[in-house]
């Protein structure tokens, strides 16, 4: 189920890729949807990715590919195929009582402090604070905690300053995972982890920040990003 803005953006990306062979820039998306800032585009892109319509690719400019299209805009879809329900606005309204909707089953987890999405800083202890997290964000059999994001280095991954990130506690990660990385046992940062030529690359999702390369023994994974909570 897509909102009208999400469907408009997906349609625009598809048209431009059909015409030019590459997706439009974020500025072009912003103008096409008549939005005031690129942060709205980041939210829409994240929503489309979470719903499985697009995929963001690492190490490529304008790194978006379309995974699937709703039947309404898929030229190859058979007649009478799927048509998305479109809701006006950027947020889905409360579902009617007649629909069979599963409960959210939110659970409180601890906010341990702040995590840098910029230059590494120490995770700060705020004392006991909790945040309610929908159950579907958390993986079974794992411990989870939350951190407040400070900085803008992960903005192209849809992670903004002030967001609350939900982290699954673990000490391993696959290439491409966004992780809490502890550097030299002292400072923590939120970055995408890649292994290259025997080194650990901590990649930002903002071209204003350079990738940081460190020996494997200087980086300890503290957890993997599994969810995000944003206040408007």
Protein backbone atom coordinates (compact mmCIF):
# COMPACT_ATOMS: atom_id res chain seq x y z
CA UNK A 1 0.00 0.00 0.00
CA UNK A 2 1.54 3.29 -1.09
CA UNK A 3 0.70 6.88 -0.30
CA UNK A 4 0.08 9.23 -3.21
CA UNK A 5 3.51 10.86 -2.78
CA UNK A 6 5.28 7.49 -2.67
CA UNK A 7 3.48 6.36 -5.84
CA UNK A 8 4.24 9.68 -7.59
CA UNK A 9 7.94 9.36 -6.74
CA UNK A 10 8.14 5.72 -7.85
CA UNK A 11 6.42 6.62 -11.12
CA UNK A 12 8.81 9.56 -11.69
CA UNK A 13 11.92 7.43 -11.00
CA UNK A 14 10.65 4.73 -13.36
CA UNK A 15 9.94 7.22 -16.17
CA UNK A 16 13.37 8.83 -15.87
CA UNK A 17 15.16 5.48 -15.79
CA UNK A 18 13.24 4.39 -18.90
CA UNK A 19 14.20 7.64 -20.64
CA UNK A 20 17.78 8.23 -19.41
CA UNK A 21 18.95 4.88 -18.11
CA UNK A 22 19.74 6.39 -14.69
CA UNK A 23 17.49 7.54 -11.86
CA UNK A 24 16.93 11.27 -11.29
CA UNK A 25 18.88 13.24 -8.72
CA UNK A 26 17.37 14.11 -5.36
CA UNK A 27 17.03 17.73 -6.51
CA UNK A 28 15.08 16.59 -9.58
CA UNK A 29 12.86 14.41 -7.41
CA UNK A 30 12.23 17.31 -5.04
CA UNK A 31 11.21 19.60 -7.90
CA UNK A 32 9.05 16.95 -9.57
CA UNK A 33 7.07 16.37 -6.36
CA UNK A 34 7.06 20.08 -5.43
CA UNK A 35 8.64 19.47 -2.02
CA UNK A 36 10.45 22.17 -0.08
CA UNK A 37 13.46 20.11 0.96
CA UNK A 38 15.31 16.91 0.13
CA UNK A 39 14.53 15.49 3.57
CA UNK A 40 11.04 14.70 2.31
CA UNK A 41 12.56 12.78 -0.60
CA UNK A 42 14.79 10.84 1.81
CA UNK A 43 11.70 9.78 3.77
CA UNK A 44 9.86 8.69 0.62
CA UNK A 45 12.89 6.77 -0.71
CA UNK A 46 13.24 4.98 2.64
CA UNK A 47 9.54 4.08 2.63
CA UNK A 48 9.75 2.68 -0.93
CA UNK A 49 12.84 0.67 -0.01
CA UNK A 50 11.17 -0.73 3.12
CA UNK A 51 8.17 -1.79 1.02
CA UNK A 52 10.43 -3.59 -1.46
CA UNK A 53 9.78 -1.38 -4.52
CA UNK A 54 13.35 -0.02 -4.85
CA UNK A 55 16.83 -0.97 -3.72
CA UNK A 56 19.71 1.38 -2.95
CA UNK A 57 23.12 0.20 -4.17
CA UNK A 58 26.47 1.00 -2.62
CA UNK A 59 29.40 2.61 -4.47
CA UNK A 60 27.37 4.03 -7.36
CA UNK A 61 26.17 7.53 -8.13
CA UNK A 62 22.40 7.88 -7.95
CA UNK A 63 22.45 4.31 -6.66
CA UNK A 64 18.77 3.34 -6.93
CA UNK A 65 17.25 0.47 -8.83
CA UNK A 66 13.59 -0.45 -9.19
CA UNK A 67 12.79 -3.92 -7.85
CA UNK A 68 9.09 -4.00 -8.70
CA UNK A 69 6.24 -1.73 -9.73
CA UNK A 70 2.60 -1.65 -8.68
CA UNK A 71 0.35 -2.95 -11.44
CA UNK A 72 -1.04 0.52 -12.06
CA UNK A 73 2.28 1.76 -13.48
CA UNK A 74 3.90 -1.49 -14.59
CA UNK A 75 3.63 -1.56 -18.37
CA UNK A 76 4.31 -5.33 -18.40
CA UNK A 77 1.60 -6.12 -15.85
CA UNK A 78 -1.37 -8.10 -17.21
CA UNK A 79 -4.75 -6.45 -17.53
CA UNK A 80 -6.70 -6.58 -14.33
CA UNK A 81 -3.45 -6.94 -12.32
CA UNK A 82 -2.72 -5.47 -8.93
CA UNK A 83 -3.55 -1.81 -8.39
CA UNK A 84 -2.22 -0.12 -5.27
CA UNK A 85 -4.41 1.54 -2.71
CA UNK A 86 -3.38 5.18 -2.69
CA UNK A 87 -3.82 7.31 0.39
CA UNK A 88 -3.63 11.10 0.19
CA UNK A 89 -0.74 12.49 2.24
CA UNK A 90 2.59 11.04 3.32
CA UNK A 91 1.29 8.98 6.23
CA UNK A 92 -1.25 6.17 6.13
CA UNK A 93 -4.46 6.95 7.97
CA UNK A 94 -5.77 4.72 10.77
CA UNK A 95 -7.19 1.61 9.06
CA UNK A 96 -10.97 1.19 9.23
CA UNK A 97 -12.18 -1.10 12.01
CA UNK A 98 -13.54 -3.53 9.42
CA UNK A 99 -10.02 -4.40 8.21
CA UNK A 100 -8.14 -7.26 9.86
CA UNK A 101 -5.08 -5.40 11.17
CA UNK A 102 -2.48 -7.05 13.36
CA UNK A 103 -1.63 -5.18 16.58
CA UNK A 104 1.66 -3.29 16.72
CA UNK A 105 2.76 -4.93 20.00
CA UNK A 106 5.15 -2.14 20.94
CA UNK A 107 7.83 -2.78 23.53
CA UNK A 108 9.88 -0.35 25.60
CA UNK A 109 13.66 -0.47 25.11
CA UNK A 110 16.37 1.68 26.65
CA UNK A 111 17.86 4.76 24.98
CA UNK A 112 21.50 4.35 25.98
CA UNK A 113 22.71 7.73 24.74
CA UNK A 114 23.79 9.55 21.58
CA UNK A 115 25.63 8.12 18.60
CA UNK A 116 27.56 10.17 16.07
CA UNK A 117 26.48 10.27 12.44
CA UNK A 118 29.33 12.61 11.58
CA UNK A 119 32.74 12.63 13.20
CA UNK A 120 32.98 9.93 15.88
CA UNK A 121 32.00 11.01 19.40
CA UNK A 122 31.43 9.09 22.58
CA UNK A 123 28.01 7.59 23.18
CA UNK A 124 26.69 9.67 26.08
CA UNK A 125 24.77 8.21 29.00
CA UNK A 126 21.50 10.12 29.50
CA UNK A 127 20.36 8.06 32.45
CA UNK A 128 17.31 5.80 32.30
CA UNK A 129 15.18 6.65 29.25
CA UNK A 130 12.95 4.38 27.23
CA UNK A 131 11.26 4.47 23.84
CA UNK A 132 8.32 2.37 22.62
CA UNK A 133 9.35 0.32 19.58
CA UNK A 134 6.96 -1.65 17.33
CA UNK A 135 7.56 -5.36 17.69
CA UNK A 136 8.16 -5.90 13.96
CA UNK A 137 11.34 -3.78 14.15
CA UNK A 138 12.98 -6.17 16.58
CA UNK A 139 14.36 -9.57 15.67
CA UNK A 140 13.48 -12.61 17.71
CA UNK A 141 16.13 -13.95 20.02
CA UNK A 142 18.16 -10.73 20.19
CA UNK A 143 18.78 -7.91 22.65
CA UNK A 144 17.96 -4.41 21.39
CA UNK A 145 18.72 -0.87 22.45
CA UNK A 146 18.16 2.62 21.07
CA UNK A 147 20.43 5.60 20.41
CA UNK A 148 19.77 9.21 19.48
CA UNK A 149 21.50 10.24 16.23
CA UNK A 150 23.65 13.37 16.20
CA UNK A 151 24.92 14.58 12.83
CA UNK A 152 24.05 14.27 9.15
CA UNK A 153 26.57 11.83 7.70
CA UNK A 154 23.92 9.14 7.13
CA UNK A 155 21.25 11.40 5.65
CA UNK A 156 21.28 9.68 2.22
CA UNK A 157 20.37 6.46 4.02
CA UNK A 158 17.31 8.24 5.43
CA UNK A 159 18.86 8.77 8.89
CA UNK A 160 18.56 12.35 10.08
CA UNK A 161 19.89 14.33 13.03
CA UNK A 162 17.66 13.71 16.04
CA UNK A 163 16.31 10.34 14.86
CA UNK A 164 16.18 7.41 17.26
CA UNK A 165 17.83 4.31 15.80
CA UNK A 166 16.93 0.82 16.99
CA UNK A 167 20.01 -1.41 17.27
CA UNK A 168 20.22 -5.18 17.60
CA UNK A 169 23.11 -6.00 19.89
CA UNK A 170 25.68 -8.16 18.06
CA UNK A 171 29.42 -8.24 17.40
CA UNK A 172 29.36 -9.33 13.75
CA UNK A 173 28.01 -7.71 10.60
CA UNK A 174 27.74 -8.38 6.87
CA UNK A 175 29.12 -6.05 4.21
CA UNK A 176 26.67 -3.20 3.70
CA UNK A 177 25.13 -3.35 7.18
CA UNK A 178 24.73 -0.06 9.04
CA UNK A 179 26.35 -0.64 12.41
CA UNK A 180 27.39 0.95 15.66
CA UNK A 181 31.18 0.77 15.37
CA UNK A 182 33.44 1.29 18.37
CA UNK A 183 36.77 2.69 17.20
CA UNK A 184 39.91 1.84 19.18
CA UNK A 185 37.74 1.05 22.20
CA UNK A 186 36.95 4.74 22.75
CA UNK A 187 34.52 6.38 20.33
CA UNK A 188 31.33 5.13 18.71
CA UNK A 189 29.89 6.07 15.32
CA UNK A 190 26.99 4.98 13.11
CA UNK A 191 28.24 4.01 9.64
CA UNK A 192 27.87 1.45 6.85
CA UNK A 193 30.49 -1.27 7.25
CA UNK A 194 32.45 -2.70 4.32
CA UNK A 195 35.52 -4.93 4.30
CA UNK A 196 38.13 -3.99 1.71
CA UNK A 197 41.66 -5.36 1.23
CA UNK A 198 41.97 -6.53 4.81
CA UNK A 199 40.70 -3.23 6.19
CA UNK A 200 37.40 -2.08 7.64
CA UNK A 201 35.76 0.78 5.73
CA UNK A 202 33.25 2.89 7.65
CA UNK A 203 31.22 4.60 4.95
CA UNK A 204 29.07 7.67 5.39
CA UNK A 205 25.87 8.17 3.40
CA UNK A 206 26.63 11.80 2.64
CA UNK A 207 29.17 12.90 0.01
CA UNK A 208 30.44 15.61 2.38
CA UNK A 209 32.08 12.91 4.52
CA UNK A 210 34.99 10.71 3.51
CA UNK A 211 35.11 6.95 4.06
CA UNK A 212 37.33 6.02 6.97
CA UNK A 213 39.61 2.98 6.61
CA UNK A 214 40.86 1.24 9.74
CA UNK A 215 42.64 -2.04 10.58
CA UNK A 216 40.24 -4.79 11.54
CA UNK A 217 41.55 -4.89 15.12
CA UNK A 218 40.67 -1.21 15.68
CA UNK A 219 36.94 -1.61 14.95
CA UNK A 220 34.48 -3.51 17.14
CA UNK A 221 30.88 -3.94 16.00
CA UNK A 222 28.51 -3.12 18.86
CA UNK A 223 25.23 -3.69 17.01
CA UNK A 224 23.33 -3.54 13.72
CA UNK A 225 20.64 -1.05 12.69
CA UNK A 226 17.21 -2.71 12.49
CA UNK A 227 14.80 0.21 12.80
CA UNK A 228 14.34 3.96 13.04
CA UNK A 229 11.91 6.21 14.91
CA UNK A 230 11.35 9.84 13.91
CA UNK A 231 9.35 12.61 15.56
CA UNK A 232 7.76 15.30 13.39
